[in-house]
Amino acid sequence: GRLLPHDLAGRAEVLQWLFWQVAGLGPMAGQNGHFNVYAPEKVPYAIE
């Protein structure tokens, strides 16, 4: 019962931003990190 509103509108507000992170920020930043840090060769198009 913590860190998530109990009312429908407040809950929807939190969940859309939770899913924004899961679907967008995490995967995109993860690929960013992969091509910048872990890739064995630099691929300029992917990095950009």
ModelCIF file with pLDDT and N, C-alpha, C, O atoms, coordinates in Angstrom:
data_MODEL
#
_entry.id   MODEL 
#
_entity.id                         1 
_entity.type                       polymer 
_entity.pdbx_number_of_molecules   1 
#
_entity_poly.entity_id                      1 
_entity_poly.type                           'polypeptide(L)' 
_entity_poly.nstd_linkage                   no 
_entity_poly.nstd_monomer                   no 
_entity_poly.pdbx_seq_one_letter_code       GRLLPHDLAGRAEVLQWLFWQVAGLGPMAGQNGHFNVYAPEKVPYAIE 
_entity_poly.pdbx_seq_one_letter_code_can   GRLLPHDLAGRAEVLQWLFWQVAGLGPMAGQNGHFNVYAPEKVPYAIE 
_entity_poly.pdbx_strand_id                 A 
#
loop_
_entity_poly_seq.entity_id 
_entity_poly_seq.num 
_entity_poly_seq.mon_id 
_entity_poly_seq.hetero 
1 1  GLY n 
1 2  ARG n 
1 3  LEU n 
1 4  LEU n 
1 5  PRO n 
1 6  HIS n 
1 7  ASP n 
1 8  LEU n 
1 9  ALA n 
1 10 GLY n 
1 11 ARG n 
1 12 ALA n 
1 13 GLU n 
1 14 VAL n 
1 15 LEU n 
1 16 GLN n 
1 17 TRP n 
1 18 LEU n 
1 19 PHE n 
1 20 TRP n 
1 21 GLN n 
1 22 VAL n 
1 23 ALA n 
1 24 GLY n 
1 25 LEU n 
1 26 GLY n 
1 27 PRO n 
1 28 MET n 
1 29 ALA n 
1 30 GLY n 
1 31 GLN n 
1 32 ASN n 
1 33 GLY n 
1 34 HIS n 
1 35 PHE n 
1 36 ASN n 
1 37 VAL n 
1 38 TYR n 
1 39 ALA n 
1 40 PRO n 
1 41 GLU n 
1 42 LYS n 
1 43 VAL n 
1 44 PRO n 
1 45 TYR n 
1 46 ALA n 
1 47 ILE n 
1 48 GLU n 
#
_struct_asym.id          A 
_struct_asym.entity_id   1 
#
loop_
_ma_qa_metric.id 
_ma_qa_metric.mode 
_ma_qa_metric.name 
_ma_qa_metric.software_group_id 
_ma_qa_metric.type 
1 global pLDDT . pLDDT 
2 local  pLDDT . pLDDT 
#
_ma_qa_metric_global.metric_id      1 
_ma_qa_metric_global.metric_value   96.52 
_ma_qa_metric_global.model_id       1 
_ma_qa_metric_global.ordinal_id     1 
#
loop_
_ma_qa_metric_local.label_asym_id 
_ma_qa_metric_local.label_comp_id 
_ma_qa_metric_local.label_seq_id 
_ma_qa_metric_local.metric_id 
_ma_qa_metric_local.metric_value 
_ma_qa_metric_local.model_id 
_ma_qa_metric_local.ordinal_id 
A GLY 1  2 97.00 1 1  
A ARG 2  2 98.00 1 2  
A LEU 3  2 98.00 1 3  
A LEU 4  2 98.00 1 4  
A PRO 5  2 98.00 1 5  
A HIS 6  2 97.00 1 6  
A ASP 7  2 97.00 1 7  
A LEU 8  2 98.00 1 8  
A ALA 9  2 98.00 1 9  
A GLY 10 2 98.00 1 10 
A ARG 11 2 98.00 1 11 
A ALA 12 2 98.00 1 12 
A GLU 13 2 98.00 1 13 
A VAL 14 2 98.00 1 14 
A LEU 15 2 98.00 1 15 
A GLN 16 2 98.00 1 16 
A TRP 17 2 98.00 1 17 
A LEU 18 2 98.00 1 18 
A PHE 19 2 98.00 1 19 
A TRP 20 2 98.00 1 20 
A GLN 21 2 98.00 1 21 
A VAL 22 2 98.00 1 22 
A ALA 23 2 98.00 1 23 
A GLY 24 2 98.00 1 24 
A LEU 25 2 98.00 1 25 
A GLY 26 2 98.00 1 26 
A PRO 27 2 97.00 1 27 
A MET 28 2 98.00 1 28 
A ALA 29 2 97.00 1 29 
A GLY 30 2 97.00 1 30 
A GLN 31 2 97.00 1 31 
A ASN 32 2 97.00 1 32 
A GLY 33 2 95.00 1 33 
A HIS 34 2 95.00 1 34 
A PHE 35 2 96.00 1 35 
A ASN 36 2 93.00 1 36 
A VAL 37 2 90.00 1 37 
A TYR 38 2 89.00 1 38 
A ALA 39 2 91.00 1 39 
A PRO 40 2 89.00 1 40 
A GLU 41 2 93.00 1 41 
A LYS 42 2 93.00 1 42 
A VAL 43 2 96.00 1 43 
A PRO 44 2 97.00 1 44 
A TYR 45 2 97.00 1 45 
A ALA 46 2 97.00 1 46 
A ILE 47 2 97.00 1 47 
A GLU 48 2 97.00 1 48 
#
loop_
_atom_site.group_PDB 
_atom_site.id 
_atom_site.type_symbol 
_atom_site.label_atom_id 
_atom_site.label_alt_id 
_atom_site.label_comp_id 
_atom_site.label_asym_id 
_atom_site.label_entity_id 
_atom_site.label_seq_id 
_atom_site.pdbx_PDB_ins_code 
_atom_site.Cartn_x 
_atom_site.Cartn_y 
_atom_site.Cartn_z 
_atom_site.occupancy 
_atom_site.B_iso_or_equiv 
_atom_site.pdbx_formal_charge 
_atom_site.auth_seq_id 
_atom_site.auth_comp_id 
_atom_site.auth_asym_id 
_atom_site.auth_atom_id 
_atom_site.pdbx_PDB_model_num 
ATOM 1   N N  . GLY A 1 1  ? 0.805  -1.212 0.000   1.00 97.00 ? 1  GLY A N  1 
ATOM 2   C CA . GLY A 1 1  ? 0.000  0.000  0.000   1.00 97.00 ? 1  GLY A CA 1 
ATOM 3   C C  . GLY A 1 1  ? 0.837  1.260  0.000   1.00 97.00 ? 1  GLY A C  1 
ATOM 4   O O  . GLY A 1 1  ? 0.380  2.313  0.446   1.00 97.00 ? 1  GLY A O  1 
ATOM 5   N N  . ARG A 1 2  ? 2.064  1.163  -0.499  1.00 98.00 ? 2  ARG A N  1 
ATOM 6   C CA . ARG A 1 2  ? 3.002  2.287  -0.466  1.00 98.00 ? 2  ARG A CA 1 
ATOM 7   C C  . ARG A 1 2  ? 3.449  2.641  -1.878  1.00 98.00 ? 2  ARG A C  1 
ATOM 8   O O  . ARG A 1 2  ? 3.558  1.779  -2.750  1.00 98.00 ? 2  ARG A O  1 
ATOM 9   N N  . LEU A 1 3  ? 3.707  3.939  -2.083  1.00 98.00 ? 3  LEU A N  1 
ATOM 10  C CA . LEU A 1 3  ? 4.328  4.468  -3.301  1.00 98.00 ? 3  LEU A CA 1 
ATOM 11  C C  . LEU A 1 3  ? 3.504  4.237  -4.560  1.00 98.00 ? 3  LEU A C  1 
ATOM 12  O O  . LEU A 1 3  ? 4.045  4.209  -5.665  1.00 98.00 ? 3  LEU A O  1 
ATOM 13  N N  . LEU A 1 4  ? 2.192  4.070  -4.392  1.00 98.00 ? 4  LEU A N  1 
ATOM 14  C CA . LEU A 1 4  ? 1.257  3.987  -5.506  1.00 98.00 ? 4  LEU A CA 1 
ATOM 15  C C  . LEU A 1 4  ? -0.085 4.506  -5.001  1.00 98.00 ? 4  LEU A C  1 
ATOM 16  O O  . LEU A 1 4  ? -0.643 3.940  -4.061  1.00 98.00 ? 4  LEU A O  1 
ATOM 17  N N  . PRO A 1 5  ? -0.616 5.569  -5.604  1.00 98.00 ? 5  PRO A N  1 
ATOM 18  C CA . PRO A 1 5  ? -1.880 6.134  -5.114  1.00 98.00 ? 5  PRO A CA 1 
ATOM 19  C C  . PRO A 1 5  ? -3.007 5.104  -5.154  1.00 98.00 ? 5  PRO A C  1 
ATOM 20  O O  . PRO A 1 5  ? -2.987 4.168  -5.954  1.00 98.00 ? 5  PRO A O  1 
ATOM 21  N N  . HIS A 1 6  ? -3.979 5.298  -4.283  1.00 97.00 ? 6  HIS A N  1 
ATOM 22  C CA . HIS A 1 6  ? -5.124 4.390  -4.228  1.00 97.00 ? 6  HIS A CA 1 
ATOM 23  C C  . HIS A 1 6  ? -6.265 4.865  -5.123  1.00 97.00 ? 6  HIS A C  1 
ATOM 24  O O  . HIS A 1 6  ? -7.108 4.059  -5.518  1.00 97.00 ? 6  HIS A O  1 
ATOM 25  N N  . ASP A 1 7  ? -6.309 6.162  -5.452  1.00 97.00 ? 7  ASP A N  1 
ATOM 26  C CA . ASP A 1 7  ? -7.379 6.650  -6.320  1.00 97.00 ? 7  ASP A CA 1 
ATOM 27  C C  . ASP A 1 7  ? -7.057 6.335  -7.772  1.00 97.00 ? 7  ASP A C  1 
ATOM 28  O O  . ASP A 1 7  ? -5.889 6.227  -8.146  1.00 97.00 ? 7  ASP A O  1 
ATOM 29  N N  . LEU A 1 8  ? -8.093 6.187  -8.588  1.00 98.00 ? 8  LEU A N  1 
ATOM 30  C CA . LEU A 1 8  ? -7.923 5.743  -9.965  1.00 98.00 ? 8  LEU A CA 1 
ATOM 31  C C  . LEU A 1 8  ? -7.061 6.690  -10.778 1.00 98.00 ? 8  LEU A C  1 
ATOM 32  O O  . LEU A 1 8  ? -6.174 6.255  -11.511 1.00 98.00 ? 8  LEU A O  1 
ATOM 33  N N  . ALA A 1 9  ? -7.321 8.001  -10.649 1.00 98.00 ? 9  ALA A N  1 
ATOM 34  C CA . ALA A 1 9  ? -6.563 8.971  -11.437 1.00 98.00 ? 9  ALA A CA 1 
ATOM 35  C C  . ALA A 1 9  ? -5.090 8.995  -11.031 1.00 98.00 ? 9  ALA A C  1 
ATOM 36  O O  . ALA A 1 9  ? -4.208 9.017  -11.890 1.00 98.00 ? 9  ALA A O  1 
ATOM 37  N N  . GLY A 1 10 ? -4.828 8.990  -9.740  1.00 98.00 ? 10 GLY A N  1 
ATOM 38  C CA . GLY A 1 10 ? -3.444 9.007  -9.267  1.00 98.00 ? 10 GLY A CA 1 
ATOM 39  C C  . GLY A 1 10 ? -2.692 7.743  -9.644  1.00 98.00 ? 10 GLY A C  1 
ATOM 40  O O  . GLY A 1 10 ? -1.516 7.788  -10.005 1.00 98.00 ? 10 GLY A O  1 
ATOM 41  N N  . ARG A 1 11 ? -3.385 6.616  -9.557  1.00 98.00 ? 11 ARG A N  1 
ATOM 42  C CA . ARG A 1 11 ? -2.781 5.343  -9.935  1.00 98.00 ? 11 ARG A CA 1 
ATOM 43  C C  . ARG A 1 11 ? -2.427 5.336  -11.425 1.00 98.00 ? 11 ARG A C  1 
ATOM 44  O O  . ARG A 1 11 ? -1.339 4.902  -11.804 1.00 98.00 ? 11 ARG A O  1 
ATOM 45  N N  . ALA A 1 12 ? -3.331 5.809  -12.254 1.00 98.00 ? 12 ALA A N  1 
ATOM 46  C CA . ALA A 1 12 ? -3.082 5.859  -13.690 1.00 98.00 ? 12 ALA A CA 1 
ATOM 47  C C  . ALA A 1 12 ? -1.893 6.756  -14.007 1.00 98.00 ? 12 ALA A C  1 
ATOM 48  O O  . ALA A 1 12 ? -1.101 6.450  -14.899 1.00 98.00 ? 12 ALA A O  1 
ATOM 49  N N  . GLU A 1 13 ? -1.766 7.863  -13.279 1.00 98.00 ? 13 GLU A N  1 
ATOM 50  C CA . GLU A 1 13 ? -0.655 8.788  -13.501 1.00 98.00 ? 13 GLU A CA 1 
ATOM 51  C C  . GLU A 1 13 ? 0.683  8.096  -13.239 1.00 98.00 ? 13 GLU A C  1 
ATOM 52  O O  . GLU A 1 13 ? 1.624  8.230  -14.021 1.00 98.00 ? 13 GLU A O  1 
ATOM 53  N N  . VAL A 1 14 ? 0.755  7.367  -12.147 1.00 98.00 ? 14 VAL A N  1 
ATOM 54  C CA . VAL A 1 14 ? 1.999  6.669  -11.820 1.00 98.00 ? 14 VAL A CA 1 
ATOM 55  C C  . VAL A 1 14 ? 2.276  5.553  -12.818 1.00 98.00 ? 14 VAL A C  1 
ATOM 56  O O  . VAL A 1 14 ? 3.405  5.413  -13.290 1.00 98.00 ? 14 VAL A O  1 
ATOM 57  N N  . LEU A 1 15 ? 1.261  4.760  -13.143 1.00 98.00 ? 15 LEU A N  1 
ATOM 58  C CA . LEU A 1 15 ? 1.486  3.591  -13.988 1.00 98.00 ? 15 LEU A CA 1 
ATOM 59  C C  . LEU A 1 15 ? 1.927  3.965  -15.396 1.00 98.00 ? 15 LEU A C  1 
ATOM 60  O O  . LEU A 1 15 ? 2.751  3.269  -15.990 1.00 98.00 ? 15 LEU A O  1 
ATOM 61  N N  . GLN A 1 16 ? 1.386  5.065  -15.942 1.00 98.00 ? 16 GLN A N  1 
ATOM 62  C CA . GLN A 1 16 ? 1.822  5.410  -17.295 1.00 98.00 ? 16 GLN A CA 1 
ATOM 63  C C  . GLN A 1 16 ? 3.294  5.778  -17.324 1.00 98.00 ? 16 GLN A C  1 
ATOM 64  O O  . GLN A 1 16 ? 3.981  5.499  -18.307 1.00 98.00 ? 16 GLN A O  1 
ATOM 65  N N  . TRP A 1 17 ? 3.794  6.407  -16.254 1.00 98.00 ? 17 TRP A N  1 
ATOM 66  C CA . TRP A 1 17 ? 5.208  6.759  -16.210 1.00 98.00 ? 17 TRP A CA 1 
ATOM 67  C C  . TRP A 1 17 ? 6.072  5.559  -15.845 1.00 98.00 ? 17 TRP A C  1 
ATOM 68  O O  . TRP A 1 17 ? 7.229  5.484  -16.261 1.00 98.00 ? 17 TRP A O  1 
ATOM 69  N N  . LEU A 1 18 ? 5.535  4.631  -15.084 1.00 98.00 ? 18 LEU A N  1 
ATOM 70  C CA . LEU A 1 18 ? 6.245  3.370  -14.858 1.00 98.00 ? 18 LEU A CA 1 
ATOM 71  C C  . LEU A 1 18 ? 6.448  2.649  -16.184 1.00 98.00 ? 18 LEU A C  1 
ATOM 72  O O  . LEU A 1 18 ? 7.550  2.185  -16.479 1.00 98.00 ? 18 LEU A O  1 
ATOM 73  N N  . PHE A 1 19 ? 5.386  2.551  -16.988 1.00 98.00 ? 19 PHE A N  1 
ATOM 74  C CA . PHE A 1 19 ? 5.492  1.860  -18.268 1.00 98.00 ? 19 PHE A CA 1 
ATOM 75  C C  . PHE A 1 19 ? 6.340  2.655  -19.269 1.00 98.00 ? 19 PHE A C  1 
ATOM 76  O O  . PHE A 1 19 ? 6.988  2.071  -20.137 1.00 98.00 ? 19 PHE A O  1 
ATOM 77  N N  . TRP A 1 20 ? 6.333  3.971  -19.147 1.00 98.00 ? 20 TRP A N  1 
ATOM 78  C CA . TRP A 1 20 ? 7.225  4.792  -19.979 1.00 98.00 ? 20 TRP A CA 1 
ATOM 79  C C  . TRP A 1 20 ? 8.681  4.401  -19.730 1.00 98.00 ? 20 TRP A C  1 
ATOM 80  O O  . TRP A 1 20 ? 9.465  4.278  -20.671 1.00 98.00 ? 20 TRP A O  1 
ATOM 81  N N  . GLN A 1 21 ? 9.032  4.211  -18.486 1.00 98.00 ? 21 GLN A N  1 
ATOM 82  C CA . GLN A 1 21 ? 10.402 3.803  -18.190 1.00 98.00 ? 21 GLN A CA 1 
ATOM 83  C C  . GLN A 1 21 ? 10.676 2.396  -18.723 1.00 98.00 ? 21 GLN A C  1 
ATOM 84  O O  . GLN A 1 21 ? 11.701 2.157  -19.360 1.00 98.00 ? 21 GLN A O  1 
ATOM 85  N N  . VAL A 1 22 ? 9.769  1.486  -18.463 1.00 98.00 ? 22 VAL A N  1 
ATOM 86  C CA . VAL A 1 22 ? 9.985  0.090  -18.851 1.00 98.00 ? 22 VAL A CA 1 
ATOM 87  C C  . VAL A 1 22 ? 10.085 -0.051 -20.368 1.00 98.00 ? 22 VAL A C  1 
ATOM 88  O O  . VAL A 1 22 ? 10.907 -0.818 -20.869 1.00 98.00 ? 22 VAL A O  1 
ATOM 89  N N  . ALA A 1 23 ? 9.249  0.688  -21.102 1.00 98.00 ? 23 ALA A N  1 
ATOM 90  C CA . ALA A 1 23 ? 9.203  0.550  -22.556 1.00 98.00 ? 23 ALA A CA 1 
ATOM 91  C C  . ALA A 1 23 ? 10.159 1.482  -23.284 1.00 98.00 ? 23 ALA A C  1 
ATOM 92  O O  . ALA A 1 23 ? 10.541 1.202  -24.421 1.00 98.00 ? 23 ALA A O  1 
ATOM 93  N N  . GLY A 1 24 ? 10.557 2.592  -22.649 1.00 98.00 ? 24 GLY A N  1 
ATOM 94  C CA . GLY A 1 24 ? 11.340 3.599  -23.354 1.00 98.00 ? 24 GLY A CA 1 
ATOM 95  C C  . GLY A 1 24 ? 12.686 3.891  -22.739 1.00 98.00 ? 24 GLY A C  1 
ATOM 96  O O  . GLY A 1 24 ? 13.720 3.539  -23.305 1.00 98.00 ? 24 GLY A O  1 
ATOM 97  N N  . LEU A 1 25 ? 12.686 4.532  -21.585 1.00 98.00 ? 25 LEU A N  1 
ATOM 98  C CA . LEU A 1 25 ? 13.939 4.992  -20.998 1.00 98.00 ? 25 LEU A CA 1 
ATOM 99  C C  . LEU A 1 25 ? 14.912 3.842  -20.749 1.00 98.00 ? 25 LEU A C  1 
ATOM 100 O O  . LEU A 1 25 ? 16.092 3.955  -21.082 1.00 98.00 ? 25 LEU A O  1 
ATOM 101 N N  . GLY A 1 26 ? 14.443 2.747  -20.173 1.00 98.00 ? 26 GLY A N  1 
ATOM 102 C CA . GLY A 1 26 ? 15.336 1.627  -19.883 1.00 98.00 ? 26 GLY A CA 1 
ATOM 103 C C  . GLY A 1 26 ? 15.940 1.007  -21.128 1.00 98.00 ? 26 GLY A C  1 
ATOM 104 O O  . GLY A 1 26 ? 17.164 0.925  -21.234 1.00 98.00 ? 26 GLY A O  1 
ATOM 105 N N  . PRO A 1 27 ? 15.110 0.565  -22.084 1.00 97.00 ? 27 PRO A N  1 
ATOM 106 C CA . PRO A 1 27 ? 15.680 -0.050 -23.292 1.00 97.00 ? 27 PRO A CA 1 
ATOM 107 C C  . PRO A 1 27 ? 16.580 0.888  -24.100 1.00 97.00 ? 27 PRO A C  1 
ATOM 108 O O  . PRO A 1 27 ? 17.626 0.464  -24.590 1.00 97.00 ? 27 PRO A O  1 
ATOM 109 N N  . MET A 1 28 ? 16.190 2.148  -24.243 1.00 98.00 ? 28 MET A N  1 
ATOM 110 C CA . MET A 1 28 ? 16.996 3.061  -25.046 1.00 98.00 ? 28 MET A CA 1 
ATOM 111 C C  . MET A 1 28 ? 18.320 3.392  -24.346 1.00 98.00 ? 28 MET A C  1 
ATOM 112 O O  . MET A 1 28 ? 19.377 3.384  -24.978 1.00 98.00 ? 28 MET A O  1 
ATOM 113 N N  . ALA A 1 29 ? 18.259 3.679  -23.054 1.00 97.00 ? 29 ALA A N  1 
ATOM 114 C CA . ALA A 1 29 ? 19.500 3.937  -22.317 1.00 97.00 ? 29 ALA A CA 1 
ATOM 115 C C  . ALA A 1 29 ? 20.364 2.686  -22.255 1.00 97.00 ? 29 ALA A C  1 
ATOM 116 O O  . ALA A 1 29 ? 21.592 2.774  -22.262 1.00 97.00 ? 29 ALA A O  1 
ATOM 117 N N  . GLY A 1 30 ? 19.726 1.522  -22.195 1.00 97.00 ? 30 GLY A N  1 
ATOM 118 C CA . GLY A 1 30 ? 20.475 0.278  -22.185 1.00 97.00 ? 30 GLY A CA 1 
ATOM 119 C C  . GLY A 1 30 ? 21.234 0.055  -23.483 1.00 97.00 ? 30 GLY A C  1 
ATOM 120 O O  . GLY A 1 30 ? 22.396 -0.350 -23.453 1.00 97.00 ? 30 GLY A O  1 
ATOM 121 N N  . GLN A 1 31 ? 20.602 0.311  -24.620 1.00 97.00 ? 31 GLN A N  1 
ATOM 122 C CA . GLN A 1 31 ? 21.290 0.193  -25.898 1.00 97.00 ? 31 GLN A CA 1 
ATOM 123 C C  . GLN A 1 31 ? 22.382 1.261  -26.026 1.00 97.00 ? 31 GLN A C  1 
ATOM 124 O O  . GLN A 1 31 ? 23.447 1.011  -26.589 1.00 97.00 ? 31 GLN A O  1 
ATOM 125 N N  . ASN A 1 32 ? 22.101 2.438  -25.502 1.00 97.00 ? 32 ASN A N  1 
ATOM 126 C CA . ASN A 1 32 ? 23.104 3.504  -25.465 1.00 97.00 ? 32 ASN A CA 1 
ATOM 127 C C  . ASN A 1 32 ? 24.352 3.006  -24.736 1.00 97.00 ? 32 ASN A C  1 
ATOM 128 O O  . ASN A 1 32 ? 25.467 3.106  -25.248 1.00 97.00 ? 32 ASN A O  1 
ATOM 129 N N  . GLY A 1 33 ? 24.147 2.474  -23.545 1.00 95.00 ? 33 GLY A N  1 
ATOM 130 C CA . GLY A 1 33 ? 25.269 1.967  -22.764 1.00 95.00 ? 33 GLY A CA 1 
ATOM 131 C C  . GLY A 1 33 ? 25.996 0.829  -23.456 1.00 95.00 ? 33 GLY A C  1 
ATOM 132 O O  . GLY A 1 33 ? 27.223 0.741  -23.404 1.00 95.00 ? 33 GLY A O  1 
ATOM 133 N N  . HIS A 1 34 ? 25.235 -0.038 -24.104 1.00 95.00 ? 34 HIS A N  1 
ATOM 134 C CA . HIS A 1 34 ? 25.864 -1.174 -24.775 1.00 95.00 ? 34 HIS A CA 1 
ATOM 135 C C  . HIS A 1 34 ? 26.816 -0.716 -25.871 1.00 95.00 ? 34 HIS A C  1 
ATOM 136 O O  . HIS A 1 34 ? 27.967 -1.151 -25.920 1.00 95.00 ? 34 HIS A O  1 
ATOM 137 N N  . PHE A 1 35 ? 26.339 0.164  -26.752 1.00 96.00 ? 35 PHE A N  1 
ATOM 138 C CA . PHE A 1 35 ? 27.175 0.566  -27.881 1.00 96.00 ? 35 PHE A CA 1 
ATOM 139 C C  . PHE A 1 35 ? 28.279 1.540  -27.479 1.00 96.00 ? 35 PHE A C  1 
ATOM 140 O O  . PHE A 1 35 ? 29.304 1.624  -28.155 1.00 96.00 ? 35 PHE A O  1 
ATOM 141 N N  . ASN A 1 36 ? 28.080 2.273  -26.388 1.00 93.00 ? 36 ASN A N  1 
ATOM 142 C CA . ASN A 1 36 ? 29.115 3.188  -25.914 1.00 93.00 ? 36 ASN A CA 1 
ATOM 143 C C  . ASN A 1 36 ? 30.181 2.495  -25.083 1.00 93.00 ? 36 ASN A C  1 
ATOM 144 O O  . ASN A 1 36 ? 31.353 2.868  -25.136 1.00 93.00 ? 36 ASN A O  1 
ATOM 145 N N  . VAL A 1 37 ? 29.780 1.485  -24.311 1.00 90.00 ? 37 VAL A N  1 
ATOM 146 C CA . VAL A 1 37 ? 30.673 0.912  -23.304 1.00 90.00 ? 37 VAL A CA 1 
ATOM 147 C C  . VAL A 1 37 ? 31.087 -0.525 -23.628 1.00 90.00 ? 37 VAL A C  1 
ATOM 148 O O  . VAL A 1 37 ? 32.267 -0.862 -23.527 1.00 90.00 ? 37 VAL A O  1 
ATOM 149 N N  . TYR A 1 38 ? 30.140 -1.366 -24.012 1.00 89.00 ? 38 TYR A N  1 
ATOM 150 C CA . TYR A 1 38 ? 30.407 -2.803 -24.077 1.00 89.00 ? 38 TYR A CA 1 
ATOM 151 C C  . TYR A 1 38 ? 30.675 -3.351 -25.471 1.00 89.00 ? 38 TYR A C  1 
ATOM 152 O O  . TYR A 1 38 ? 31.312 -4.396 -25.604 1.00 89.00 ? 38 TYR A O  1 
ATOM 153 N N  . ALA A 1 39 ? 30.214 -2.685 -26.493 1.00 91.00 ? 39 ALA A N  1 
ATOM 154 C CA . ALA A 1 39 ? 30.379 -3.223 -27.847 1.00 91.00 ? 39 ALA A CA 1 
ATOM 155 C C  . ALA A 1 39 ? 31.867 -3.374 -28.180 1.00 91.00 ? 39 ALA A C  1 
ATOM 156 O O  . ALA A 1 39 ? 32.651 -2.471 -27.889 1.00 91.00 ? 39 ALA A O  1 
ATOM 157 N N  . PRO A 1 40 ? 32.264 -4.484 -28.777 1.00 89.00 ? 40 PRO A N  1 
ATOM 158 C CA . PRO A 1 40 ? 33.682 -4.707 -29.086 1.00 89.00 ? 40 PRO A CA 1 
ATOM 159 C C  . PRO A 1 40 ? 34.206 -3.785 -30.180 1.00 89.00 ? 40 PRO A C  1 
ATOM 160 O O  . PRO A 1 40 ? 35.418 -3.614 -30.311 1.00 89.00 ? 40 PRO A O  1 
ATOM 161 N N  . GLU A 1 41 ? 33.323 -3.196 -30.958 1.00 93.00 ? 41 GLU A N  1 
ATOM 162 C CA . GLU A 1 41 ? 33.727 -2.227 -31.964 1.00 93.00 ? 41 GLU A CA 1 
ATOM 163 C C  . GLU A 1 41 ? 32.768 -1.045 -31.924 1.00 93.00 ? 41 GLU A C  1 
ATOM 164 O O  . GLU A 1 41 ? 31.584 -1.205 -31.628 1.00 93.00 ? 41 GLU A O  1 
ATOM 165 N N  . LYS A 1 42 ? 33.284 0.132  -32.222 1.00 93.00 ? 42 LYS A N  1 
ATOM 166 C CA . LYS A 1 42 ? 32.469 1.340  -32.218 1.00 93.00 ? 42 LYS A CA 1 
ATOM 167 C C  . LYS A 1 42 ? 31.661 1.417  -33.516 1.00 93.00 ? 42 LYS A C  1 
ATOM 168 O O  . LYS A 1 42 ? 32.214 1.358  -34.614 1.00 93.00 ? 42 LYS A O  1 
ATOM 169 N N  . VAL A 1 43 ? 30.361 1.547  -33.367 1.00 96.00 ? 43 VAL A N  1 
ATOM 170 C CA . VAL A 1 43 ? 29.463 1.665  -34.508 1.00 96.00 ? 43 VAL A CA 1 
ATOM 171 C C  . VAL A 1 43 ? 28.862 3.070  -34.445 1.00 96.00 ? 43 VAL A C  1 
ATOM 172 O O  . VAL A 1 43 ? 27.902 3.286  -33.706 1.00 96.00 ? 43 VAL A O  1 
ATOM 173 N N  . PRO A 1 44 ? 29.397 4.021  -35.196 1.00 97.00 ? 44 PRO A N  1 
ATOM 174 C CA . PRO A 1 44 ? 28.966 5.422  -35.055 1.00 97.00 ? 44 PRO A CA 1 
ATOM 175 C C  . PRO A 1 44 ? 27.471 5.620  -35.205 1.00 97.00 ? 44 PRO A C  1 
ATOM 176 O O  . PRO A 1 44 ? 26.875 6.390  -34.451 1.00 97.00 ? 44 PRO A O  1 
ATOM 177 N N  . TYR A 1 45 ? 26.845 4.937  -36.168 1.00 97.00 ? 45 TYR A N  1 
ATOM 178 C CA . TYR A 1 45 ? 25.411 5.129  -36.349 1.00 97.00 ? 45 TYR A CA 1 
ATOM 179 C C  . TYR A 1 45 ? 24.650 4.706  -35.099 1.00 97.00 ? 45 TYR A C  1 
ATOM 180 O O  . TYR A 1 45 ? 23.753 5.421  -34.653 1.00 97.00 ? 45 TYR A O  1 
ATOM 181 N N  . ALA A 1 46 ? 24.994 3.558  -34.530 1.00 97.00 ? 46 ALA A N  1 
ATOM 182 C CA . ALA A 1 46 ? 24.289 3.061  -33.346 1.00 97.00 ? 46 ALA A CA 1 
ATOM 183 C C  . ALA A 1 46 ? 24.514 3.983  -32.147 1.00 97.00 ? 46 ALA A C  1 
ATOM 184 O O  . ALA A 1 46 ? 23.584 4.270  -31.393 1.00 97.00 ? 46 ALA A O  1 
ATOM 185 N N  . ILE A 1 47 ? 25.756 4.444  -31.976 1.00 97.00 ? 47 ILE A N  1 
ATOM 186 C CA . ILE A 1 47 ? 26.048 5.344  -30.862 1.00 97.00 ? 47 ILE A CA 1 
ATOM 187 C C  . ILE A 1 47 ? 25.238 6.634  -30.991 1.00 97.00 ? 47 ILE A C  1 
ATOM 188 O O  . ILE A 1 47 ? 24.627 7.087  -30.023 1.00 97.00 ? 47 ILE A O  1 
ATOM 189 N N  . GLU A 1 48 ? 25.233 7.218  -32.177 1.00 97.00 ? 48 GLU A N  1 
ATOM 190 C CA . GLU A 1 48 ? 24.487 8.462  -32.382 1.00 97.00 ? 48 GLU A CA 1 
ATOM 191 C C  . GLU A 1 48 ? 22.993 8.247  -32.210 1.00 97.00 ? 48 GLU A C  1 
ATOM 192 O O  . GLU A 1 48 ? 22.214 9.190  -32.347 1.00 97.00 ? 48 GLU A O  1 
#
